[in-house]
Amino acid sequence: MGRRSDDIEAEWGAYVQRIATALRRRRLAIGLSQEAVAYRAGLTRYTYQKYEKGESRPGTAANPTLRSLLALSQVLEVPLDSLIPDSAPDLRSR
């Protein structure tokens, strides 16, 4: 029997929160505003704020693209893997 969709979404939400925390910590460590990071990464400030919050709309986890994450790692001057947490959730539903 497959895993429940609610369980998968909960795991994804927790994982995205760890990405959000990594973005926020690094941005603060180098002294940039959300607006500055967004501009340099080619994102809107609103989109970047959502990534730092970890949700795309209330109750729905963010899902940043690989391109966005790569741009953010370059702006934040860290390797991409430092923004991507270990122990990725199992997203298979079957």
C-alpha atoms as a PDB file:
ATOM      1  CA  MET A   1       0.000   0.000   0.000  1.00  0.00           C
ATOM      2  CA  GLY A   2       1.311   3.476  -0.866  1.00  0.00           C
ATOM      3  CA  ARG A   3       2.139   6.178   1.572  1.00  0.00           C
ATOM      4  CA  ARG A   4      -0.469   8.764   2.331  1.00  0.00           C
ATOM      5  CA  SER A   5      -0.270  12.049   0.499  1.00  0.00           C
ATOM      6  CA  ASP A   6      -0.609  13.929   3.807  1.00  0.00           C
ATOM      7  CA  ASP A   7       2.473  12.167   5.175  1.00  0.00           C
ATOM      8  CA  ILE A   8       4.511  13.005   2.084  1.00  0.00           C
ATOM      9  CA  GLU A   9       3.406  16.651   2.194  1.00  0.00           C
ATOM     10  CA  ALA A  10       4.302  16.889   5.878  1.00  0.00           C
ATOM     11  CA  GLU A  11       7.788  15.499   5.203  1.00  0.00           C
ATOM     12  CA  TRP A  12       8.249  17.892   2.274  1.00  0.00           C
ATOM     13  CA  GLY A  13       7.092  20.825   4.395  1.00  0.00           C
ATOM     14  CA  ALA A  14       9.627  20.007   7.118  1.00  0.00           C
ATOM     15  CA  TYR A  15      12.390  19.648   4.529  1.00  0.00           C
ATOM     16  CA  VAL A  16      11.535  22.987   2.897  1.00  0.00           C
ATOM     17  CA  GLN A  17      11.637  24.655   6.307  1.00  0.00           C
ATOM     18  CA  ARG A  18      15.251  23.513   6.625  1.00  0.00           C
ATOM     19  CA  ILE A  19      16.025  25.110   3.238  1.00  0.00           C
ATOM     20  CA  ALA A  20      14.284  28.296   4.391  1.00  0.00           C
ATOM     21  CA  THR A  21      16.380  28.373   7.548  1.00  0.00           C
ATOM     22  CA  ALA A  22      19.605  27.886   5.568  1.00  0.00           C
ATOM     23  CA  LEU A  23      18.696  30.775   3.241  1.00  0.00           C
ATOM     24  CA  ARG A  24      17.825  33.121   6.091  1.00  0.00           C
ATOM     25  CA  ARG A  25      20.909  32.268   8.171  1.00  0.00           C
ATOM     26  CA  ARG A  26      23.287  32.761   5.268  1.00  0.00           C
ATOM     27  CA  ARG A  27      21.635  36.008   4.154  1.00  0.00           C
ATOM     28  CA  LEU A  28      21.891  37.430   7.654  1.00  0.00           C
ATOM     29  CA  ALA A  29      25.482  36.215   8.017  1.00  0.00           C
ATOM     30  CA  ILE A  30      26.580  38.221   4.988  1.00  0.00           C
ATOM     31  CA  GLY A  31      24.451  41.227   5.838  1.00  0.00           C
ATOM     32  CA  LEU A  32      22.147  41.392   2.833  1.00  0.00           C
ATOM     33  CA  SER A  33      18.501  42.375   2.792  1.00  0.00           C
ATOM     34  CA  GLN A  34      15.878  40.099   1.292  1.00  0.00           C
ATOM     35  CA  GLU A  35      15.449  42.650  -1.478  1.00  0.00           C
ATOM     36  CA  ALA A  36      19.163  42.639  -2.311  1.00  0.00           C
ATOM     37  CA  VAL A  37      19.320  38.840  -2.467  1.00  0.00           C
ATOM     38  CA  ALA A  38      16.201  38.664  -4.615  1.00  0.00           C
ATOM     39  CA  TYR A  39      17.429  41.323  -7.037  1.00  0.00           C
ATOM     40  CA  ARG A  40      20.855  39.729  -7.446  1.00  0.00           C
ATOM     41  CA  ALA A  41      19.297  36.288  -7.980  1.00  0.00           C
ATOM     42  CA  GLY A  42      16.806  37.548 -10.542  1.00  0.00           C
ATOM     43  CA  LEU A  43      13.791  36.883  -8.322  1.00  0.00           C
ATOM     44  CA  THR A  44      11.064  39.142  -7.063  1.00  0.00           C
ATOM     45  CA  ARG A  45      11.332  40.148  -3.431  1.00  0.00           C
ATOM     46  CA  TYR A  46       7.964  38.462  -2.832  1.00  0.00           C
ATOM     47  CA  THR A  47       9.209  35.143  -4.242  1.00  0.00           C
ATOM     48  CA  TYR A  48      12.375  35.264  -2.169  1.00  0.00           C
ATOM     49  CA  GLN A  49      10.388  36.100   0.960  1.00  0.00           C
ATOM     50  CA  LYS A  50       8.249  33.044   0.306  1.00  0.00           C
ATOM     51  CA  TYR A  51      11.369  30.866  -0.032  1.00  0.00           C
ATOM     52  CA  GLU A  52      12.668  32.171   3.300  1.00  0.00           C
ATOM     53  CA  LYS A  53       9.291  31.524   4.850  1.00  0.00           C
ATOM     54  CA  GLY A  54       9.212  28.038   3.346  1.00  0.00           C
ATOM     55  CA  GLU A  55       5.770  28.297   1.836  1.00  0.00           C
ATOM     56  CA  SER A  56       4.304  29.385  -1.453  1.00  0.00           C
ATOM     57  CA  ARG A  57       0.921  30.194   0.070  1.00  0.00           C
ATOM     58  CA  PRO A  58      -0.404  29.565   3.577  1.00  0.00           C
ATOM     59  CA  GLY A  59      -0.291  25.871   4.341  1.00  0.00           C
ATOM     60  CA  THR A  60       1.540  24.937   1.126  1.00  0.00           C
ATOM     61  CA  ALA A  61       5.269  24.260   1.167  1.00  0.00           C
ATOM     62  CA  ALA A  62       7.465  26.191  -1.251  1.00  0.00           C
ATOM     63  CA  ASN A  63       9.042  24.344  -4.147  1.00  0.00           C
ATOM     64  CA  PRO A  64      11.951  26.451  -5.430  1.00  0.00           C
ATOM     65  CA  THR A  65      13.348  25.482  -8.804  1.00  0.00           C
ATOM     66  CA  LEU A  66      16.870  24.196  -9.195  1.00  0.00           C
ATOM     67  CA  ARG A  67      17.663  27.350 -11.180  1.00  0.00           C
ATOM     68  CA  SER A  68      16.475  29.569  -8.324  1.00  0.00           C
ATOM     69  CA  LEU A  69      18.450  27.594  -5.753  1.00  0.00           C
ATOM     70  CA  LEU A  70      21.586  27.752  -7.887  1.00  0.00           C
ATOM     71  CA  ALA A  71      21.213  31.522  -8.343  1.00  0.00           C
ATOM     72  CA  LEU A  72      20.672  31.948  -4.605  1.00  0.00           C
ATOM     73  CA  SER A  73      23.744  29.873  -3.768  1.00  0.00           C
ATOM     74  CA  GLN A  74      25.793  32.095  -6.056  1.00  0.00           C
ATOM     75  CA  VAL A  75      24.417  35.312  -4.561  1.00  0.00           C
ATOM     76  CA  LEU A  76      24.907  33.984  -1.039  1.00  0.00           C
ATOM     77  CA  GLU A  77      28.398  32.773  -2.005  1.00  0.00           C
ATOM     78  CA  VAL A  78      27.954  29.212  -0.787  1.00  0.00           C
ATOM     79  CA  PRO A  79      27.964  25.854  -2.564  1.00  0.00           C
ATOM     80  CA  LEU A  80      24.517  24.686  -3.616  1.00  0.00           C
ATOM     81  CA  ASP A  81      24.742  21.645  -1.354  1.00  0.00           C
ATOM     82  CA  SER A  82      25.015  23.901   1.697  1.00  0.00           C
ATOM     83  CA  LEU A  83      21.457  25.094   1.036  1.00  0.00           C
ATOM     84  CA  ILE A  84      20.087  21.600   0.367  1.00  0.00           C
ATOM     85  CA  PRO A  85      19.662  19.602   3.587  1.00  0.00           C
ATOM     86  CA  ASP A  86      20.824  16.017   3.915  1.00  0.00           C
ATOM     87  CA  SER A  87      18.245  13.283   4.358  1.00  0.00           C
ATOM     88  CA  ALA A  88      15.832  14.263   1.621  1.00  0.00           C
ATOM     89  CA  PRO A  89      12.305  13.017   2.202  1.00  0.00           C
ATOM     90  CA  ASP A  90      11.026  10.005   0.299  1.00  0.00           C
ATOM     91  CA  LEU A  91       8.490  11.537  -2.075  1.00  0.00           C
ATOM     92  CA  ARG A  92       7.387   8.289  -3.693  1.00  0.00           C
ATOM     93  CA  SER A  93       3.715   7.645  -3.242  1.00  0.00           C
ATOM     94  CA  ARG A  94       3.833   4.034  -4.402  1.00  0.00           C
END
